[in-house]
């Protein structure tokens, strides 16, 4: 006789309560998986950063610009193979201003040499180089906006006000998970030529490819020394550090998500604990009968713990099954298409699946400890007299 299997059959005695408990706990698992996936997806850009790239920005802040001529000096630093510059443009789709995607003014001659994980056909690249009003967009953004090569598109500037017209010269794909496939690239010179003299010849940051990742710290220090005596000083770091620094701007939000995920698990444990305690109370006389006919206190505890384990298992399975269409196929696809700059790759990883199922079972077992201990310690006479 398998006591655990017998305990599992007890779940069918009150089907409605069991179903509601499993649904409640599975929703908690679903919420936990969603939050953990948001956290892991947010750090994807840092986790998959190129080890042979460094980034140079203004020493004070990422949002303060630097003189464009800094890149000429950086290209002369020993160890730097190639460098490119970029500027955050902040353009919007005039038809849907709430729709977010990254818009970057870049150097078209070097951007795809340094960012070689971005895939663009040679023909499209050449066409883009020859078209000052040309733009290259990611395949996800092209699908979202309904654009194809040869179309025209207008961006509404926020940082740089006005209506900016572009020709779609190419659509890129990506070889790395960290690449945002919803970015809008265009010629920096097109933007710069339209600016007043006070704003001309400024860039946001510089990305450099180096010949030896092991010397990244030394090369970064050498770059910053060049500008130590300048009016505008720099901070150079690995691409991973740059991405982590950007994440640090919302570190409070990430910590809040961590705390919320823990609270959700505690709520799930209370739901399970309440259900298990109610079932134990209703069957106290039955446990007394089992003790009277020879079952040990340990056997009684096994009944209760086994029932909790099955509830936890079913809750975990249902919650993870729901997370695939809701979190990955639903929310994930929407985030990739509309917030690709922050969530370029939104997928539930294997570790989250294992963690979700393990926690569902583990917390159910923890929730059963007190009811199981109390039931196993009851005297036979007290159990037989107990009325639920």
Protein backbone atom coordinates (compact mmCIF):
# COMPACT_ATOMS: atom_id res chain seq x y z
CA UNK A 1 0.00 0.00 0.00
CA UNK A 2 1.41 3.42 -1.03
CA UNK A 3 0.39 6.00 1.52
CA UNK A 4 1.31 8.93 -0.76
CA UNK A 5 -0.95 7.68 -3.57
CA UNK A 6 -3.80 7.13 -1.13
CA UNK A 7 -3.28 10.69 0.11
CA UNK A 8 -3.44 11.95 -3.46
CA UNK A 9 -6.80 10.25 -3.96
CA UNK A 10 -8.11 12.26 -1.00
CA UNK A 11 -7.92 15.37 -3.21
CA UNK A 12 -10.98 14.11 -5.08
CA UNK A 13 -13.14 14.14 -1.97
CA UNK A 14 -13.73 17.89 -2.25
CA UNK A 15 -13.22 18.60 -5.92
CA UNK A 16 -14.29 22.26 -5.86
CA UNK A 17 -11.92 23.18 -3.06
CA UNK A 18 -9.06 21.33 -4.74
CA UNK A 19 -9.67 22.99 -8.11
CA UNK A 20 -9.89 26.48 -6.58
CA UNK A 21 -6.74 25.90 -4.53
CA UNK A 22 -4.79 24.68 -7.55
CA UNK A 23 -6.01 27.61 -9.64
CA UNK A 24 -5.11 30.12 -6.94
CA UNK A 25 -1.65 28.67 -6.46
CA UNK A 26 -1.08 28.35 -10.23
CA UNK A 27 -1.89 32.04 -10.69
CA UNK A 28 0.74 32.81 -8.05
CA UNK A 29 3.25 30.66 -9.96
CA UNK A 30 2.28 32.41 -13.19
CA UNK A 31 2.91 35.82 -11.62
CA UNK A 32 6.22 34.61 -10.20
CA UNK A 33 7.36 33.32 -13.61
CA UNK A 34 6.36 36.60 -15.25
CA UNK A 35 8.34 38.72 -12.79
CA UNK A 36 11.40 36.47 -12.93
CA UNK A 37 11.29 36.53 -16.73
CA UNK A 38 11.09 40.32 -16.73
CA UNK A 39 14.20 40.43 -14.54
CA UNK A 40 16.15 37.91 -16.63
CA UNK A 41 15.07 39.53 -19.92
CA UNK A 42 16.12 42.94 -18.65
CA UNK A 43 19.66 41.69 -17.97
CA UNK A 44 19.97 39.90 -21.33
CA UNK A 45 21.76 42.84 -22.94
CA UNK A 46 24.39 42.75 -20.18
CA UNK A 47 24.72 38.97 -20.16
CA UNK A 48 25.32 38.77 -23.92
CA UNK A 49 27.50 41.87 -24.23
CA UNK A 50 30.51 41.61 -26.54
CA UNK A 51 33.71 41.14 -24.58
CA UNK A 52 35.83 42.95 -27.16
CA UNK A 53 33.87 46.20 -27.07
CA UNK A 54 34.17 49.19 -24.76
CA UNK A 55 32.00 52.29 -24.51
CA UNK A 56 32.95 55.90 -23.83
CA UNK A 57 30.45 58.44 -22.50
CA UNK A 58 30.47 61.77 -20.70
CA UNK A 59 32.00 61.36 -17.25
CA UNK A 60 28.98 62.83 -15.48
CA UNK A 61 26.09 61.09 -17.19
CA UNK A 62 25.03 59.02 -20.16
CA UNK A 63 22.59 61.74 -21.25
CA UNK A 64 25.20 64.53 -21.61
CA UNK A 65 26.80 64.82 -25.04
CA UNK A 66 30.47 65.00 -26.01
CA UNK A 67 32.37 66.73 -28.84
CA UNK A 68 32.39 64.63 -32.01
CA UNK A 69 36.13 65.10 -32.49
CA UNK A 70 36.76 62.86 -29.47
CA UNK A 71 36.33 59.83 -31.70
CA UNK A 72 39.31 60.83 -33.85
CA UNK A 73 41.56 60.71 -30.80
CA UNK A 74 40.07 57.43 -29.55
CA UNK A 75 40.78 55.75 -32.90
CA UNK A 76 44.49 56.50 -32.39
CA UNK A 77 44.67 54.74 -29.00
CA UNK A 78 46.76 51.52 -29.18
CA UNK A 79 44.50 48.48 -29.01
CA UNK A 80 41.45 50.16 -30.58
CA UNK A 81 40.67 48.43 -33.90
CA UNK A 82 37.60 50.44 -34.84
CA UNK A 83 35.27 52.95 -33.23
CA UNK A 84 31.86 54.38 -34.01
CA UNK A 85 29.62 57.00 -32.48
CA UNK A 86 25.90 57.27 -31.78
CA UNK A 87 23.37 59.79 -30.59
CA UNK A 88 20.00 59.16 -28.99
CA UNK A 89 17.41 60.93 -31.14
CA UNK A 90 14.14 60.33 -29.30
CA UNK A 91 11.92 60.15 -32.37
CA UNK A 92 8.28 59.07 -32.27
CA UNK A 93 5.83 57.57 -34.70
CA UNK A 94 3.52 60.57 -35.36
CA UNK A 95 0.57 58.23 -35.91
CA UNK A 96 1.15 56.40 -32.61
CA UNK A 97 3.23 58.65 -30.32
CA UNK A 98 2.80 56.24 -27.40
CA UNK A 99 4.67 53.53 -29.36
CA UNK A 100 8.28 53.26 -28.17
CA UNK A 101 11.32 52.24 -30.19
CA UNK A 102 14.94 53.35 -30.14
CA UNK A 103 15.96 55.96 -32.73
CA UNK A 104 19.71 56.44 -33.13
CA UNK A 105 21.71 58.85 -35.26
CA UNK A 106 24.90 56.94 -36.15
CA UNK A 107 27.99 56.93 -38.33
CA UNK A 108 26.86 54.70 -41.24
CA UNK A 109 30.40 53.94 -42.38
CA UNK A 110 31.44 52.25 -39.12
CA UNK A 111 28.36 51.25 -37.13
CA UNK A 112 27.99 47.75 -38.59
CA UNK A 113 31.74 47.06 -38.44
CA UNK A 114 31.76 47.66 -34.70
CA UNK A 115 28.28 46.18 -34.09
CA UNK A 116 28.92 43.13 -36.25
CA UNK A 117 26.07 41.13 -34.69
CA UNK A 118 23.68 43.26 -36.74
CA UNK A 119 23.07 41.59 -40.10
CA UNK A 120 22.37 43.73 -43.17
CA UNK A 121 22.77 42.67 -46.80
CA UNK A 122 25.70 44.29 -48.67
CA UNK A 123 23.31 45.76 -51.23
CA UNK A 124 21.12 47.41 -48.58
CA UNK A 125 24.19 48.68 -46.73
CA UNK A 126 25.62 50.28 -49.85
CA UNK A 127 22.27 51.85 -50.67
CA UNK A 128 22.07 53.28 -47.17
CA UNK A 129 25.60 54.71 -47.34
CA UNK A 130 24.67 56.63 -50.49
CA UNK A 131 21.36 57.97 -49.15
CA UNK A 132 21.74 60.74 -46.57
CA UNK A 133 18.04 60.57 -45.70
CA UNK A 134 18.13 56.79 -45.54
CA UNK A 135 17.29 54.65 -42.53
CA UNK A 136 17.88 51.03 -41.53
CA UNK A 137 15.38 49.40 -39.20
CA UNK A 138 15.10 46.08 -37.38
CA UNK A 139 12.93 43.29 -38.74
CA UNK A 140 10.67 43.39 -35.66
CA UNK A 141 10.15 47.14 -36.02
CA UNK A 142 9.49 46.76 -39.76
CA UNK A 143 6.72 44.29 -38.96
CA UNK A 144 5.27 46.53 -36.26
CA UNK A 145 5.21 49.62 -38.46
CA UNK A 146 4.27 47.73 -41.62
CA UNK A 147 7.32 49.00 -43.50
CA UNK A 148 9.45 47.48 -46.24
CA UNK A 149 12.53 48.57 -48.17
CA UNK A 150 11.67 51.48 -50.43
CA UNK A 151 8.99 52.96 -48.18
CA UNK A 152 9.12 56.46 -46.72
CA UNK A 153 8.59 57.19 -43.04
CA UNK A 154 8.42 60.34 -40.93
CA UNK A 155 9.70 60.60 -37.36
CA UNK A 156 8.43 63.28 -35.02
CA UNK A 157 11.38 64.61 -33.02
CA UNK A 158 11.21 65.24 -29.28
CA UNK A 159 14.81 66.01 -28.30
CA UNK A 160 15.30 67.39 -31.80
CA UNK A 161 11.87 68.88 -32.67
CA UNK A 162 10.36 68.73 -36.12
CA UNK A 163 9.17 66.23 -38.68
CA UNK A 164 12.08 64.20 -40.07
CA UNK A 165 11.51 62.32 -43.31
CA UNK A 166 13.39 59.11 -44.09
CA UNK A 167 13.71 56.51 -46.82
CA UNK A 168 13.73 52.91 -45.60
CA UNK A 169 16.91 51.57 -47.25
CA UNK A 170 17.37 48.32 -45.34
CA UNK A 171 15.96 45.91 -42.75
CA UNK A 172 18.42 44.18 -40.44
CA UNK A 173 18.30 40.97 -38.42
CA UNK A 174 20.54 39.91 -35.52
CA UNK A 175 22.99 37.18 -34.60
CA UNK A 176 22.89 37.82 -30.84
CA UNK A 177 20.07 37.85 -28.29
CA UNK A 178 21.18 41.19 -26.85
CA UNK A 179 20.45 43.08 -30.08
CA UNK A 180 17.30 45.18 -30.18
CA UNK A 181 15.55 44.31 -33.43
CA UNK A 182 13.29 47.36 -33.12
CA UNK A 183 15.90 50.10 -33.55
CA UNK A 184 15.71 52.89 -36.13
CA UNK A 185 19.22 53.81 -37.43
CA UNK A 186 19.87 56.86 -39.60
CA UNK A 187 22.75 59.15 -40.66
CA UNK A 188 24.10 61.34 -37.88
CA UNK A 189 25.08 63.92 -40.50
CA UNK A 190 21.44 64.28 -41.58
CA UNK A 191 20.52 65.31 -38.04
CA UNK A 192 23.64 67.40 -37.45
CA UNK A 193 23.26 69.49 -40.60
CA UNK A 194 19.81 70.61 -39.49
CA UNK A 195 20.83 71.76 -36.01
CA UNK A 196 21.71 75.29 -34.86
CA UNK A 197 25.41 76.03 -34.37
CA UNK A 198 25.12 75.68 -30.59
CA UNK A 199 24.08 72.04 -30.93
CA UNK A 200 26.21 70.94 -33.86
CA UNK A 201 29.02 68.37 -33.76
CA UNK A 202 27.91 66.67 -30.54
CA UNK A 203 27.58 62.91 -30.02
CA UNK A 204 26.08 60.79 -27.28
CA UNK A 205 28.62 58.01 -26.83
CA UNK A 206 31.38 56.11 -28.59
CA UNK A 207 31.64 52.34 -28.94
CA UNK A 208 35.05 50.86 -29.73
CA UNK A 209 36.14 47.38 -30.74
CA UNK A 210 39.47 46.37 -29.22
CA UNK A 211 42.01 43.76 -30.29
CA UNK A 212 42.45 42.10 -26.87
CA UNK A 213 39.51 41.82 -24.40
CA UNK A 214 42.01 41.05 -21.65
CA UNK A 215 43.41 44.58 -21.97
CA UNK A 216 40.02 46.27 -21.91
CA UNK A 217 40.62 47.98 -18.56
CA UNK A 218 44.03 49.33 -19.64
CA UNK A 219 42.69 50.62 -22.96
CA UNK A 220 39.73 52.24 -21.18
CA UNK A 221 42.07 53.98 -18.75
CA UNK A 222 44.27 55.16 -21.64
CA UNK A 223 41.24 56.70 -23.40
CA UNK A 224 40.08 58.56 -20.29
CA UNK A 225 43.60 59.94 -19.64
CA UNK A 226 43.49 61.69 -23.02
CA UNK A 227 40.56 63.81 -21.89
CA UNK A 228 41.50 64.33 -18.23
CA UNK A 229 42.56 67.92 -18.89
CA UNK A 230 39.69 68.70 -21.27
CA UNK A 231 36.55 70.64 -20.40
CA UNK A 232 34.52 67.52 -21.14
CA UNK A 233 35.94 64.45 -19.43
CA UNK A 234 35.00 60.85 -20.19
CA UNK A 235 34.23 57.54 -18.53
CA UNK A 236 35.15 54.45 -20.53
CA UNK A 237 34.04 50.96 -19.56
CA UNK A 238 33.20 47.55 -20.93
CA UNK A 239 30.00 47.19 -22.89
CA UNK A 240 28.65 45.00 -20.09
CA UNK A 241 29.40 47.71 -17.50
CA UNK A 242 27.70 50.28 -19.70
CA UNK A 243 24.57 48.16 -19.93
CA UNK A 244 24.62 47.43 -16.21
CA UNK A 245 25.02 51.14 -15.54
CA UNK A 246 21.90 51.81 -17.57
CA UNK A 247 20.10 49.12 -15.58
CA UNK A 248 21.31 50.79 -12.39
CA UNK A 249 19.13 53.79 -13.26
CA UNK A 250 16.10 51.64 -12.45
CA UNK A 251 17.68 49.48 -9.75
CA UNK A 252 14.89 50.40 -7.32
CA UNK A 253 12.30 49.00 -9.72
CA UNK A 254 14.27 45.76 -10.13
CA UNK A 255 14.56 45.38 -6.35
CA UNK A 256 10.83 46.01 -6.02
CA UNK A 257 10.11 43.23 -8.54
CA UNK A 258 12.31 40.88 -6.49
CA UNK A 259 10.39 41.71 -3.32
CA UNK A 260 7.03 41.32 -5.07
CA UNK A 261 8.00 37.88 -6.37
CA UNK A 262 8.80 36.79 -2.80
CA UNK A 263 5.50 38.19 -1.52
CA UNK A 264 3.64 36.27 -4.21
CA UNK A 265 5.25 33.04 -3.07
CA UNK A 266 4.32 33.73 0.54
CA UNK A 267 0.72 34.32 -0.50
CA UNK A 268 0.74 31.02 -2.38
CA UNK A 269 2.08 29.24 0.69
CA UNK A 270 -0.71 30.71 2.82
CA UNK A 271 -3.32 29.57 0.29
CA UNK A 272 -1.96 26.05 0.35
CA UNK A 273 -1.55 26.05 4.12
CA UNK A 274 -5.14 27.13 4.65
CA UNK A 275 -6.50 24.41 2.35
CA UNK A 276 -4.36 21.71 3.93
CA UNK A 277 -5.33 22.81 7.47
CA UNK A 278 -9.04 22.73 6.57
CA UNK A 279 -8.72 19.23 5.13
CA UNK A 280 -6.86 17.96 8.17
CA UNK A 281 -9.46 19.41 10.54
CA UNK A 282 -12.32 17.80 8.60
CA UNK A 283 -10.62 14.39 8.67
CA UNK A 284 -9.36 14.41 12.25
CA UNK A 285 -11.71 11.56 13.28
CA UNK A 286 -10.54 9.54 10.28
CA UNK A 287 -6.95 9.93 11.40
CA UNK A 288 -8.02 8.78 14.85
CA UNK A 289 -9.55 5.63 13.32
CA UNK A 290 -6.33 4.98 11.37
CA UNK A 291 -4.31 5.28 14.56
CA UNK A 292 -6.74 2.96 16.36
CA UNK A 293 -6.33 0.20 13.74
CA UNK A 294 -2.56 0.34 13.79
CA UNK A 295 -1.30 3.21 11.68
CA UNK A 296 1.60 5.12 13.24
CA UNK A 297 1.84 8.90 13.77
CA UNK A 298 4.37 8.92 10.94
CA UNK A 299 1.82 7.34 8.59
CA UNK A 300 -0.70 10.07 9.42
CA UNK A 301 1.91 12.74 8.71
CA UNK A 302 2.73 11.03 5.40
CA UNK A 303 -0.91 11.22 4.33
CA UNK A 304 -0.98 14.98 4.89
CA UNK A 305 2.44 15.74 3.40
CA UNK A 306 1.69 13.53 0.38
CA UNK A 307 -1.56 15.35 -0.29
CA UNK A 308 0.25 18.70 -0.07
CA UNK A 309 2.96 17.50 -2.47
CA UNK A 310 0.37 16.58 -5.09
CA UNK A 311 -1.38 19.94 -4.74
CA UNK A 312 1.97 21.70 -5.15
CA UNK A 313 2.88 19.57 -8.18
CA UNK A 314 -0.43 20.18 -9.91
CA UNK A 315 -0.30 23.90 -9.10
CA UNK A 316 3.21 24.16 -10.53
CA UNK A 317 2.34 22.26 -13.70
CA UNK A 318 -0.80 24.32 -14.34
CA UNK A 319 0.98 27.60 -13.58
CA UNK A 320 3.89 26.80 -15.92
CA UNK A 321 1.51 25.60 -18.64
CA UNK A 322 -0.35 28.93 -18.44
CA UNK A 323 2.91 30.90 -18.49
CA UNK A 324 3.83 29.76 -22.01
CA UNK A 325 0.88 31.37 -23.87
CA UNK A 326 0.45 34.29 -21.45
CA UNK A 327 4.01 35.29 -20.55
CA UNK A 328 6.15 34.10 -23.45
CA UNK A 329 3.83 34.12 -26.47
CA UNK A 330 1.63 37.00 -25.32
CA UNK A 331 3.47 39.49 -23.12
CA UNK A 332 6.88 38.51 -24.47
CA UNK A 333 6.04 39.13 -28.10
CA UNK A 334 4.41 42.45 -27.25
CA UNK A 335 7.46 43.63 -25.30
CA UNK A 336 9.87 42.59 -28.06
CA UNK A 337 7.83 44.48 -30.64
CA UNK A 338 7.06 47.59 -28.59
CA UNK A 339 9.88 47.84 -26.01
CA UNK A 340 12.74 46.08 -27.75
CA UNK A 341 15.32 48.58 -26.46
CA UNK A 342 14.76 47.20 -22.95
CA UNK A 343 13.53 43.71 -23.77
CA UNK A 344 15.27 42.56 -26.98
CA UNK A 345 14.78 38.88 -26.07
CA UNK A 346 11.90 37.94 -23.79
CA UNK A 347 11.77 34.20 -23.17
CA UNK A 348 11.19 32.03 -20.09
CA UNK A 349 14.49 30.28 -19.44
CA UNK A 350 14.87 26.71 -18.22
CA UNK A 351 16.03 27.85 -14.79
CA UNK A 352 12.78 29.72 -14.23
CA UNK A 353 10.73 26.64 -15.17
CA UNK A 354 12.69 24.47 -12.72
CA UNK A 355 12.53 27.12 -10.02
CA UNK A 356 8.78 27.60 -10.45
CA UNK A 357 7.98 23.90 -10.23
CA UNK A 358 10.42 23.31 -7.38
CA UNK A 359 9.05 26.21 -5.35
CA UNK A 360 5.45 25.11 -5.93
CA UNK A 361 6.20 21.67 -4.49
CA UNK A 362 8.58 22.93 -1.82
CA UNK A 363 6.26 25.61 -0.47
CA UNK A 364 3.36 23.16 -0.43
CA UNK A 365 5.45 20.80 1.68
CA UNK A 366 6.44 23.63 4.02
CA UNK A 367 2.77 24.65 4.34
CA UNK A 368 1.89 21.08 5.36
CA UNK A 369 4.45 20.77 8.15
CA UNK A 370 2.39 22.34 10.95
CA UNK A 371 -0.93 20.57 10.11
CA UNK A 372 0.90 17.25 9.70
CA UNK A 373 2.75 17.66 12.98
CA UNK A 374 -0.41 18.53 14.91
CA UNK A 375 -2.38 15.64 13.41
CA UNK A 376 0.34 13.11 14.12
CA UNK A 377 0.59 14.23 17.76
CA UNK A 378 -3.13 13.87 18.52
CA UNK A 379 -4.09 11.17 20.98
CA UNK A 380 -6.40 8.52 19.51
CA UNK A 381 -9.14 9.31 22.03
CA UNK A 382 -8.94 13.06 21.34
CA UNK A 383 -9.01 12.49 17.58
CA UNK A 384 -12.07 10.25 17.78
CA UNK A 385 -13.93 12.80 19.88
CA UNK A 386 -13.01 15.74 17.65
CA UNK A 387 -15.88 17.22 15.62
CA UNK A 388 -14.76 19.20 12.50
